[in-house]
């Protein structure tokens, strides 16, 4: 240590090494002959928030081994200098930690606040220089595709599911790259993949001894879709639980009583045009299909798109087609109980009702309110609004959720649905499992619940309407 100085906001250490001899890094021959000296400046970790620079006087030695290709060499101070580095090992480790946490620009801003001036590109270079952990034997391999450029270029990612880390990326989504990789890794015992045929062929070709299983995510997703379809097919029963039959409320002569819309009828009790039109088309499509007409011919006859005809043919019941339409949410839903109560109290002034619900948080226009009350002839008397029936997707989510994770209100409503809808068996106890165990649930446990629905006595849920759900394998 020659001196310590504080120069223009930084701390400067001037040091030099005087130890002799110094060994040549190429051949290991010790040398005492100094060829020359030069100044080397290294940035170090800051002290008290001030940057630190270590100025090292480096000696350059002549190698005494005539056969050594290195004629001269510079000395290195262990723990302080490394070849070609501008940072000390301490500062390099610090900046590497910052890069691993925040990467480029955010890391550079944090380093500047700590008293170290560094560019974002330097941090990214340090990040790329971090050595990857060696890949050990892979027993359970996950295979899936991902988009390098969505809609244009795709690749295959391989994941060690036990270590929960990606291990390799293969070009494309073909079978041969996966088969070649598996031939070089005979230790793989289980391959967890999606249902792409190329991955199945590659696994059979490259590792025929492995056990192939479907990805739990896709099984869980398909199971949830099947449960939602089953709930949608029985939603008439569920809606009846939340909309019990009430005695009609008398209204003055010449007026139409205001009734809560249930999705199939408007507030005056008239069938919705969408529902009536869908029922007519469904009956016509099913009749022509039963007569042996092709889907394209049915589409030309009824002036419907072939995709629409296919959806009508595959639907087990009209409820499956109307599930989304009759359960579509509205911006007025949370304010309907208040509107019904005010209408019953005798307030039929639409602008006044709009001002009142706007004060309660309504953000829609007055035209939406006018359309809702358009067919009502005041002064009618409205019964109290019923509880809104949960949508099929929400009911399916309750069924798929573990009872321990449901709120008390949701659990109570689900219990009420299961107690009242005796015509079918919701697969609640078997589906409410964690995704890793859904393979067994999807293959065996849930099917009895769907099969039981074939014997339903629900007016709209005929045995034919649940046949597709009973034989579905998620």
Protein backbone atom coordinates (compact mmCIF):
# COMPACT_ATOMS: atom_id res chain seq x y z
CA UNK A 1 0.00 0.00 0.00
CA UNK A 2 1.64 3.22 -1.14
CA UNK A 3 -1.10 5.81 -0.44
CA UNK A 4 -4.82 6.44 0.08
CA UNK A 5 -6.28 9.62 -1.39
CA UNK A 6 -9.72 11.17 -1.81
CA UNK A 7 -9.91 12.64 -5.31
CA UNK A 8 -13.03 14.40 -6.69
CA UNK A 9 -15.61 12.28 -4.91
CA UNK A 10 -13.82 8.91 -5.04
CA UNK A 11 -11.36 7.02 -2.85
CA UNK A 12 -8.08 6.10 -4.57
CA UNK A 13 -5.81 3.29 -3.27
CA UNK A 14 -2.31 3.10 -4.81
CA UNK A 15 -0.68 -0.30 -4.35
CA UNK A 16 2.05 -2.46 -5.87
CA UNK A 17 3.40 -5.96 -5.30
CA UNK A 18 7.07 -6.57 -4.48
CA UNK A 19 7.10 -10.34 -4.02
CA UNK A 20 9.72 -12.35 -5.94
CA UNK A 21 9.91 -14.61 -7.82
CA UNK A 22 6.75 -14.72 -9.96
CA UNK A 23 5.82 -17.88 -11.88
CA UNK A 24 4.92 -17.82 -15.57
CA UNK A 25 1.28 -18.77 -16.05
CA UNK A 26 2.16 -20.71 -19.21
CA UNK A 27 5.00 -23.00 -18.13
CA UNK A 28 5.24 -22.38 -14.37
CA UNK A 29 8.92 -21.31 -14.53
CA UNK A 30 9.81 -18.75 -11.79
CA UNK A 31 11.24 -15.46 -12.99
CA UNK A 32 13.10 -12.59 -11.31
CA UNK A 33 13.67 -10.49 -14.42
CA UNK A 34 11.34 -7.48 -14.59
CA UNK A 35 10.66 -6.46 -18.15
CA UNK A 36 8.64 -3.31 -17.35
CA UNK A 37 5.76 -1.77 -15.40
CA UNK A 38 2.34 -0.26 -16.20
CA UNK A 39 -0.56 1.23 -14.24
CA UNK A 40 -3.82 -0.72 -13.94
CA UNK A 41 -6.97 0.75 -12.37
CA UNK A 42 -9.64 -1.52 -10.86
CA UNK A 43 -13.04 -0.48 -9.56
CA UNK A 44 -13.87 -1.89 -6.12
CA UNK A 45 -16.94 -1.94 -3.86
CA UNK A 46 -17.81 1.56 -2.60
CA UNK A 47 -16.93 2.77 0.89
CA UNK A 48 -19.47 4.97 2.65
CA UNK A 49 -21.31 5.49 -0.63
CA UNK A 50 -18.18 6.78 -2.40
CA UNK A 51 -16.71 4.92 -5.40
CA UNK A 52 -13.40 3.16 -4.82
CA UNK A 53 -10.59 2.79 -7.38
CA UNK A 54 -7.52 0.66 -6.76
CA UNK A 55 -4.51 1.80 -8.79
CA UNK A 56 -2.11 -1.13 -9.12
CA UNK A 57 1.44 -0.83 -10.41
CA UNK A 58 1.77 -4.08 -12.34
CA UNK A 59 5.17 -5.57 -13.11
CA UNK A 60 5.75 -7.40 -16.38
CA UNK A 61 8.31 -10.23 -16.25
CA UNK A 62 10.38 -12.00 -18.87
CA UNK A 63 9.95 -15.78 -18.94
CA UNK A 64 13.30 -17.57 -18.46
CA UNK A 65 12.11 -20.73 -20.27
CA UNK A 66 13.36 -20.52 -23.87
CA UNK A 67 10.74 -23.07 -25.00
CA UNK A 68 7.79 -21.18 -23.48
CA UNK A 69 5.64 -19.43 -26.11
CA UNK A 70 5.04 -16.55 -23.67
CA UNK A 71 8.04 -14.26 -23.91
CA UNK A 72 6.73 -11.91 -21.22
CA UNK A 73 3.87 -12.10 -18.76
CA UNK A 74 2.14 -9.79 -16.28
CA UNK A 75 1.85 -10.67 -12.63
CA UNK A 76 -1.59 -11.31 -11.08
CA UNK A 77 -2.39 -10.62 -7.45
CA UNK A 78 -4.58 -13.44 -6.09
CA UNK A 79 -7.93 -12.17 -4.76
CA UNK A 80 -7.46 -8.73 -6.33
CA UNK A 81 -6.78 -9.03 -10.07
CA UNK A 82 -7.85 -11.35 -12.85
CA UNK A 83 -6.79 -11.17 -16.51
CA UNK A 84 -8.51 -8.39 -18.53
CA UNK A 85 -10.90 -7.50 -15.68
CA UNK A 86 -11.73 -3.91 -14.76
CA UNK A 87 -13.44 -4.88 -11.49
CA UNK A 88 -12.16 -6.58 -8.40
CA UNK A 89 -13.66 -10.03 -7.67
CA UNK A 90 -15.70 -8.49 -4.80
CA UNK A 91 -17.33 -5.87 -7.03
CA UNK A 92 -17.88 -8.42 -9.82
CA UNK A 93 -19.77 -10.70 -7.42
CA UNK A 94 -21.85 -7.73 -6.24
CA UNK A 95 -22.75 -6.63 -9.76
CA UNK A 96 -23.54 -10.21 -10.77
CA UNK A 97 -26.01 -10.46 -7.91
CA UNK A 98 -27.63 -7.20 -8.99
CA UNK A 99 -27.84 -8.46 -12.60
CA UNK A 100 -29.41 -11.75 -11.53
CA UNK A 101 -32.06 -9.85 -9.58
CA UNK A 102 -32.83 -6.84 -11.79
CA UNK A 103 -31.00 -7.41 -15.10
CA UNK A 104 -30.21 -4.35 -17.27
CA UNK A 105 -31.55 -0.82 -16.75
CA UNK A 106 -33.14 -1.42 -13.30
CA UNK A 107 -29.88 -2.99 -12.12
CA UNK A 108 -27.84 -0.07 -13.45
CA UNK A 109 -30.07 2.39 -11.56
CA UNK A 110 -29.67 0.42 -8.32
CA UNK A 111 -25.89 0.20 -8.77
CA UNK A 112 -25.72 3.95 -9.34
CA UNK A 113 -27.63 4.54 -6.10
CA UNK A 114 -25.10 2.29 -4.32
CA UNK A 115 -22.18 4.31 -5.67
CA UNK A 116 -21.13 2.12 -8.62
CA UNK A 117 -21.25 3.48 -12.16
CA UNK A 118 -22.06 0.61 -14.54
CA UNK A 119 -23.81 0.35 -17.90
CA UNK A 120 -26.79 -1.93 -18.52
CA UNK A 121 -24.82 -3.79 -21.21
CA UNK A 122 -22.13 -4.64 -18.68
CA UNK A 123 -24.72 -6.10 -16.33
CA UNK A 124 -26.19 -8.16 -19.16
CA UNK A 125 -22.70 -9.39 -20.04
CA UNK A 126 -22.14 -10.45 -16.43
CA UNK A 127 -25.53 -12.15 -16.48
CA UNK A 128 -24.65 -14.16 -19.58
CA UNK A 129 -21.31 -15.11 -18.06
CA UNK A 130 -22.93 -16.85 -15.08
CA UNK A 131 -22.29 -20.57 -15.58
CA UNK A 132 -25.34 -22.80 -15.77
CA UNK A 133 -25.79 -25.55 -13.27
CA UNK A 134 -24.82 -28.94 -14.69
CA UNK A 135 -27.73 -31.05 -15.84
CA UNK A 136 -27.92 -34.27 -13.88
CA UNK A 137 -29.81 -37.43 -14.79
CA UNK A 138 -33.39 -36.66 -15.80
CA UNK A 139 -35.98 -39.19 -14.64
CA UNK A 140 -39.25 -37.31 -15.31
CA UNK A 141 -39.15 -35.22 -18.50
CA UNK A 142 -41.73 -32.60 -19.45
CA UNK A 143 -42.16 -31.84 -23.17
CA UNK A 144 -44.14 -28.89 -24.51
CA UNK A 145 -44.04 -26.38 -27.35
CA UNK A 146 -43.75 -22.60 -27.15
CA UNK A 147 -43.76 -19.74 -29.63
CA UNK A 148 -40.53 -18.05 -30.62
CA UNK A 149 -42.64 -15.82 -32.86
CA UNK A 150 -46.36 -16.34 -32.31
CA UNK A 151 -48.07 -17.76 -35.36
CA UNK A 152 -44.79 -18.16 -37.24
CA UNK A 153 -41.96 -19.94 -35.45
CA UNK A 154 -42.20 -22.54 -32.68
CA UNK A 155 -39.78 -24.64 -30.66
CA UNK A 156 -39.87 -27.46 -28.11
CA UNK A 157 -38.86 -26.96 -24.48
CA UNK A 158 -37.69 -29.81 -22.26
CA UNK A 159 -38.16 -29.50 -18.49
CA UNK A 160 -36.89 -31.60 -15.61
CA UNK A 161 -40.15 -31.88 -13.68
CA UNK A 162 -38.49 -33.16 -10.51
CA UNK A 163 -35.96 -30.30 -10.38
CA UNK A 164 -38.55 -27.85 -11.83
CA UNK A 165 -36.12 -26.27 -14.29
CA UNK A 166 -35.82 -26.12 -18.10
CA UNK A 167 -32.91 -28.14 -19.44
CA UNK A 168 -32.96 -27.78 -23.22
CA UNK A 169 -34.70 -26.22 -26.22
CA UNK A 170 -35.15 -28.13 -29.47
CA UNK A 171 -35.85 -26.52 -32.86
CA UNK A 172 -39.34 -26.96 -34.25
CA UNK A 173 -42.11 -29.23 -33.08
CA UNK A 174 -41.21 -32.38 -35.01
CA UNK A 175 -40.64 -35.89 -33.72
CA UNK A 176 -37.04 -36.43 -34.87
CA UNK A 177 -35.26 -33.79 -32.68
CA UNK A 178 -37.05 -35.15 -29.60
CA UNK A 179 -36.21 -38.75 -30.53
CA UNK A 180 -32.53 -37.85 -31.05
CA UNK A 181 -32.38 -36.11 -27.66
CA UNK A 182 -33.98 -39.09 -25.92
CA UNK A 183 -31.49 -41.52 -27.48
CA UNK A 184 -28.73 -39.60 -25.73
CA UNK A 185 -30.53 -39.70 -22.38
CA UNK A 186 -31.54 -43.32 -21.70
CA UNK A 187 -32.10 -42.52 -18.00
CA UNK A 188 -35.51 -40.93 -18.74
CA UNK A 189 -38.29 -43.07 -17.24
CA UNK A 190 -41.43 -40.91 -17.59
CA UNK A 191 -42.36 -38.41 -20.31
CA UNK A 192 -45.08 -35.91 -19.48
CA UNK A 193 -46.32 -34.28 -22.69
CA UNK A 194 -49.33 -32.70 -24.33
CA UNK A 195 -51.37 -34.62 -26.87
CA UNK A 196 -49.45 -33.59 -29.97
CA UNK A 197 -48.92 -36.59 -32.24
CA UNK A 198 -45.36 -35.58 -33.14
CA UNK A 199 -44.25 -35.74 -29.51
CA UNK A 200 -45.87 -39.16 -29.09
CA UNK A 201 -44.03 -40.47 -32.16
CA UNK A 202 -40.73 -38.98 -31.01
CA UNK A 203 -41.08 -40.54 -27.54
CA UNK A 204 -41.93 -43.96 -28.98
CA UNK A 205 -39.02 -43.79 -31.43
CA UNK A 206 -36.35 -42.37 -29.14
CA UNK A 207 -37.31 -43.97 -25.81
CA UNK A 208 -39.76 -46.86 -26.23
CA UNK A 209 -39.07 -47.99 -22.67
CA UNK A 210 -40.47 -44.82 -21.09
CA UNK A 211 -43.96 -44.34 -19.69
CA UNK A 212 -45.85 -41.56 -21.46
CA UNK A 213 -48.41 -39.59 -19.43
CA UNK A 214 -50.61 -36.66 -20.38
CA UNK A 215 -49.82 -33.21 -19.06
CA UNK A 216 -51.79 -32.58 -15.86
CA UNK A 217 -52.58 -29.03 -16.95
CA UNK A 218 -54.34 -30.18 -20.10
CA UNK A 219 -56.21 -32.91 -18.22
CA UNK A 220 -57.33 -30.43 -15.60
CA UNK A 221 -58.40 -27.94 -18.27
CA UNK A 222 -60.34 -30.55 -20.23
CA UNK A 223 -61.97 -31.82 -17.06
CA UNK A 224 -63.07 -28.30 -16.16
CA UNK A 225 -64.54 -27.82 -19.63
CA UNK A 226 -66.47 -31.10 -19.37
CA UNK A 227 -67.82 -30.17 -15.93
CA UNK A 228 -68.89 -26.74 -17.22
CA UNK A 229 -70.73 -28.35 -20.14
CA UNK A 230 -72.49 -30.76 -17.77
CA UNK A 231 -73.52 -27.91 -15.49
CA UNK A 232 -74.73 -25.91 -18.48
CA UNK A 233 -76.89 -28.82 -19.63
CA UNK A 234 -78.56 -28.92 -16.18
CA UNK A 235 -78.70 -25.18 -15.60
CA UNK A 236 -82.50 -25.17 -15.79
CA UNK A 237 -82.56 -27.21 -12.57
CA UNK A 238 -79.99 -24.92 -10.93
CA UNK A 239 -81.90 -21.79 -11.94
CA UNK A 240 -85.06 -23.24 -10.40
CA UNK A 241 -83.24 -23.45 -7.06
CA UNK A 242 -82.65 -19.69 -7.04
CA UNK A 243 -85.96 -18.74 -8.70
CA UNK A 244 -88.71 -20.65 -6.86
CA UNK A 245 -92.25 -20.41 -8.17
CA UNK A 246 -94.21 -17.53 -6.61
CA UNK A 247 -97.87 -16.72 -6.62
CA UNK A 248 -98.65 -14.05 -9.21
CA UNK A 249 -98.95 -10.55 -7.84
CA UNK A 250 -102.15 -8.79 -8.96
CA UNK A 251 -101.66 -5.66 -11.01
CA UNK A 252 -104.04 -2.90 -11.99
CA UNK A 253 -106.17 -3.52 -15.05
CA UNK A 254 -104.45 -2.77 -18.34
CA UNK A 255 -100.95 -3.04 -16.86
CA UNK A 256 -98.23 -5.66 -17.11
CA UNK A 257 -96.65 -6.77 -13.85
CA UNK A 258 -92.88 -6.42 -13.69
CA UNK A 259 -91.22 -9.81 -13.17
CA UNK A 260 -87.52 -10.58 -12.86
CA UNK A 261 -86.04 -11.72 -16.15
CA UNK A 262 -84.66 -15.26 -15.93
CA UNK A 263 -82.63 -15.18 -19.16
CA UNK A 264 -85.29 -16.90 -21.32
CA UNK A 265 -88.00 -14.24 -20.75
CA UNK A 266 -87.97 -10.48 -20.49
CA UNK A 267 -89.26 -8.44 -17.55
CA UNK A 268 -92.83 -8.74 -18.86
CA UNK A 269 -92.65 -12.53 -19.00
CA UNK A 270 -92.57 -12.71 -22.80
CA UNK A 271 -90.15 -15.21 -24.41
CA UNK A 272 -86.99 -13.56 -25.72
CA UNK A 273 -86.66 -13.52 -29.50
CA UNK A 274 -83.19 -15.07 -29.29
CA UNK A 275 -84.50 -18.03 -27.28
CA UNK A 276 -87.47 -18.60 -29.57
CA UNK A 277 -85.32 -18.37 -32.70
CA UNK A 278 -82.71 -20.77 -31.30
CA UNK A 279 -85.41 -23.29 -30.32
CA UNK A 280 -86.93 -23.17 -33.81
CA UNK A 281 -83.56 -23.63 -35.52
CA UNK A 282 -82.56 -26.43 -33.14
CA UNK A 283 -85.79 -28.32 -33.86
CA UNK A 284 -85.37 -27.85 -37.62
CA UNK A 285 -81.72 -28.93 -37.63
CA UNK A 286 -82.41 -32.02 -35.51
CA UNK A 287 -85.35 -32.99 -37.74
CA UNK A 288 -83.33 -32.73 -40.97
CA UNK A 289 -80.36 -34.51 -39.39
CA UNK A 290 -82.61 -37.37 -38.26
CA UNK A 291 -83.81 -37.69 -41.86
CA UNK A 292 -80.20 -38.25 -42.97
CA UNK A 293 -79.44 -34.86 -44.48
CA UNK A 294 -75.79 -33.77 -44.59
CA UNK A 295 -74.68 -30.76 -42.60
CA UNK A 296 -73.88 -28.75 -45.75
CA UNK A 297 -77.34 -29.49 -47.13
CA UNK A 298 -78.96 -28.48 -43.81
CA UNK A 299 -77.02 -25.22 -43.89
CA UNK A 300 -78.21 -24.43 -47.41
CA UNK A 301 -81.80 -25.35 -46.54
CA UNK A 302 -81.93 -23.23 -43.37
CA UNK A 303 -79.41 -20.57 -44.55
CA UNK A 304 -77.07 -21.30 -41.66
CA UNK A 305 -73.32 -21.57 -41.53
CA UNK A 306 -71.96 -25.13 -41.52
CA UNK A 307 -70.22 -24.47 -38.18
CA UNK A 308 -73.54 -23.40 -36.67
CA UNK A 309 -75.25 -26.52 -38.03
CA UNK A 310 -72.46 -28.70 -36.60
CA UNK A 311 -72.87 -27.05 -33.19
CA UNK A 312 -76.63 -27.61 -33.26
CA UNK A 313 -76.21 -31.27 -34.29
CA UNK A 314 -73.64 -32.02 -31.60
CA UNK A 315 -75.58 -30.26 -28.83
CA UNK A 316 -77.21 -32.79 -26.53
CA UNK A 317 -80.03 -30.41 -25.64
CA UNK A 318 -81.26 -26.90 -26.28
CA UNK A 319 -79.89 -25.87 -22.87
CA UNK A 320 -76.33 -26.40 -24.11
CA UNK A 321 -76.95 -23.85 -26.87
CA UNK A 322 -78.70 -21.36 -24.61
CA UNK A 323 -76.36 -21.69 -21.60
CA UNK A 324 -74.25 -18.65 -22.51
CA UNK A 325 -77.08 -16.59 -23.97
CA UNK A 326 -79.50 -16.91 -21.05
CA UNK A 327 -76.76 -16.49 -18.46
CA UNK A 328 -75.07 -13.47 -20.00
CA UNK A 329 -74.21 -10.93 -17.34
CA UNK A 330 -75.42 -7.32 -17.51
CA UNK A 331 -74.14 -4.07 -16.06
CA UNK A 332 -77.51 -3.79 -14.33
CA UNK A 333 -77.32 -7.13 -12.51
CA UNK A 334 -76.11 -5.82 -9.15
CA UNK A 335 -78.70 -2.99 -9.22
CA UNK A 336 -81.75 -5.04 -10.27
CA UNK A 337 -82.93 -5.80 -6.71
CA UNK A 338 -82.91 -2.07 -5.92
CA UNK A 339 -84.69 -1.22 -9.19
CA UNK A 340 -87.39 -3.82 -8.54
CA UNK A 341 -87.92 -2.49 -5.05
CA UNK A 342 -88.19 1.13 -6.21
CA UNK A 343 -90.53 0.14 -9.05
CA UNK A 344 -92.78 -1.67 -6.56
CA UNK A 345 -92.73 1.42 -4.34
CA UNK A 346 -94.23 3.36 -7.24
CA UNK A 347 -91.20 5.17 -8.70
CA UNK A 348 -91.54 4.80 -12.49
CA UNK A 349 -89.41 7.81 -13.45
CA UNK A 350 -86.49 6.36 -15.45
CA UNK A 351 -84.21 9.44 -15.12
CA UNK A 352 -84.80 9.46 -11.36
CA UNK A 353 -83.97 5.74 -11.11
CA UNK A 354 -80.86 6.37 -13.21
CA UNK A 355 -79.69 9.12 -10.85
CA UNK A 356 -80.28 6.91 -7.81
CA UNK A 357 -78.34 3.88 -9.07
CA UNK A 358 -75.59 6.16 -10.44
CA UNK A 359 -75.08 7.34 -6.87
CA UNK A 360 -74.76 3.65 -5.91
CA UNK A 361 -71.97 3.02 -8.40
CA UNK A 362 -73.78 2.38 -11.71
CA UNK A 363 -71.58 3.44 -14.64
CA UNK A 364 -73.88 2.65 -17.56
CA UNK A 365 -76.05 4.93 -19.65
CA UNK A 366 -79.69 5.80 -19.16
CA UNK A 367 -80.46 4.04 -22.46
CA UNK A 368 -79.58 0.69 -20.89
CA UNK A 369 -82.10 1.38 -18.14
CA UNK A 370 -84.73 2.45 -20.67
CA UNK A 371 -84.27 -0.75 -22.67
CA UNK A 372 -84.70 -2.81 -19.50
CA UNK A 373 -88.03 -1.13 -18.67
CA UNK A 374 -89.12 -0.58 -22.29
CA UNK A 375 -91.89 -3.23 -22.33
CA UNK A 376 -93.19 -2.40 -18.85
CA UNK A 377 -96.45 -0.49 -18.58
CA UNK A 378 -96.56 1.37 -15.26
CA UNK A 379 -97.94 1.25 -12.72
CA UNK A 380 -97.23 -2.46 -12.31
CA UNK A 381 -96.32 -4.18 -9.08
CA UNK A 382 -93.08 -6.11 -9.08
CA UNK A 383 -92.36 -8.99 -6.76
CA UNK A 384 -89.05 -8.92 -4.90
CA UNK A 385 -86.13 -9.78 -7.14
CA UNK A 386 -84.84 -13.35 -6.63
CA UNK A 387 -81.26 -14.25 -5.97
CA UNK A 388 -79.37 -14.39 -9.25
CA UNK A 389 -78.50 -17.96 -10.21
CA UNK A 390 -74.75 -18.53 -10.57
CA UNK A 391 -73.47 -18.85 -14.12
CA UNK A 392 -72.40 -22.33 -15.32
CA UNK A 393 -68.74 -21.32 -15.32
CA UNK A 394 -68.92 -20.12 -11.72
CA UNK A 395 -70.76 -23.28 -10.62
CA UNK A 396 -68.16 -25.41 -12.40
CA UNK A 397 -65.40 -23.50 -10.63
CA UNK A 398 -67.03 -24.24 -7.27
CA UNK A 399 -67.24 -27.92 -8.17
CA UNK A 400 -63.58 -28.01 -9.23
CA UNK A 401 -62.40 -26.17 -6.10
CA UNK A 402 -61.51 -27.99 -2.92
CA UNK A 403 -64.16 -27.41 -0.21
CA UNK A 404 -61.43 -26.07 2.08
CA UNK A 405 -60.82 -23.19 -0.36
CA UNK A 406 -64.46 -22.14 -0.85
CA UNK A 407 -65.95 -19.21 1.01
CA UNK A 408 -68.80 -19.93 3.36
CA UNK A 409 -71.34 -18.30 1.01
CA UNK A 410 -70.14 -20.25 -2.01
CA UNK A 411 -70.08 -23.50 -0.07
CA UNK A 412 -73.64 -22.86 1.14
CA UNK A 413 -74.90 -22.16 -2.38
CA UNK A 414 -73.16 -25.24 -3.76
CA UNK A 415 -74.68 -27.35 -0.99
CA UNK A 416 -78.10 -25.94 -1.83
CA UNK A 417 -77.62 -26.78 -5.50
CA UNK A 418 -76.60 -30.35 -4.73
CA UNK A 419 -79.47 -30.81 -2.30
CA UNK A 420 -82.15 -29.44 -4.63
CA UNK A 421 -80.95 -30.75 -8.00
CA UNK A 422 -81.63 -34.41 -7.27
CA UNK A 423 -81.96 -35.34 -10.93
CA UNK A 424 -78.23 -35.37 -11.46
CA UNK A 425 -75.08 -36.03 -9.44
CA UNK A 426 -72.57 -33.18 -9.50
CA UNK A 427 -69.05 -34.68 -9.45
CA UNK A 428 -68.03 -32.35 -6.61
CA UNK A 429 -66.29 -34.73 -4.22
CA UNK A 430 -64.22 -36.35 -6.96
CA UNK A 431 -63.33 -33.26 -9.01
CA UNK A 432 -62.32 -31.04 -6.09
CA UNK A 433 -58.79 -32.40 -6.04
CA UNK A 434 -55.44 -30.83 -6.68
CA UNK A 435 -54.33 -30.77 -10.35
CA UNK A 436 -51.51 -33.33 -9.89
CA UNK A 437 -54.07 -35.94 -8.85
CA UNK A 438 -56.57 -35.14 -11.58
CA UNK A 439 -55.26 -37.95 -13.80
CA UNK A 440 -56.99 -40.54 -11.66
CA UNK A 441 -60.01 -38.27 -11.20
CA UNK A 442 -60.43 -37.73 -14.92
CA UNK A 443 -59.96 -41.37 -15.83
CA UNK A 444 -62.19 -43.05 -13.29
CA UNK A 445 -63.65 -41.11 -10.42
CA UNK A 446 -65.64 -38.42 -12.19
CA UNK A 447 -67.29 -40.59 -14.79
CA UNK A 448 -69.88 -42.16 -12.42
CA UNK A 449 -71.20 -38.66 -11.67
CA UNK A 450 -71.66 -37.97 -15.37
CA UNK A 451 -73.11 -41.39 -16.06
CA UNK A 452 -75.71 -40.83 -13.35
CA UNK A 453 -76.92 -37.80 -15.24
CA UNK A 454 -78.17 -40.05 -18.06
CA UNK A 455 -81.13 -41.05 -15.91
CA UNK A 456 -82.20 -37.46 -15.27
CA UNK A 457 -85.84 -36.48 -15.15
CA UNK A 458 -85.18 -32.82 -15.83
CA UNK A 459 -87.57 -31.65 -18.58
CA UNK A 460 -84.78 -30.27 -20.75
CA UNK A 461 -81.99 -32.64 -19.73
CA UNK A 462 -83.02 -35.80 -21.57
CA UNK A 463 -80.79 -38.89 -21.63
CA UNK A 464 -79.58 -37.96 -25.10
CA UNK A 465 -78.45 -34.56 -23.87
CA UNK A 466 -76.01 -36.04 -21.38
CA UNK A 467 -74.76 -38.90 -23.51
CA UNK A 468 -71.84 -36.91 -24.82
CA UNK A 469 -70.86 -35.80 -21.32
CA UNK A 470 -71.12 -39.33 -19.96
CA UNK A 471 -68.66 -40.73 -22.46
CA UNK A 472 -66.22 -37.81 -22.45
CA UNK A 473 -62.69 -38.47 -21.30
CA UNK A 474 -60.99 -35.18 -20.39
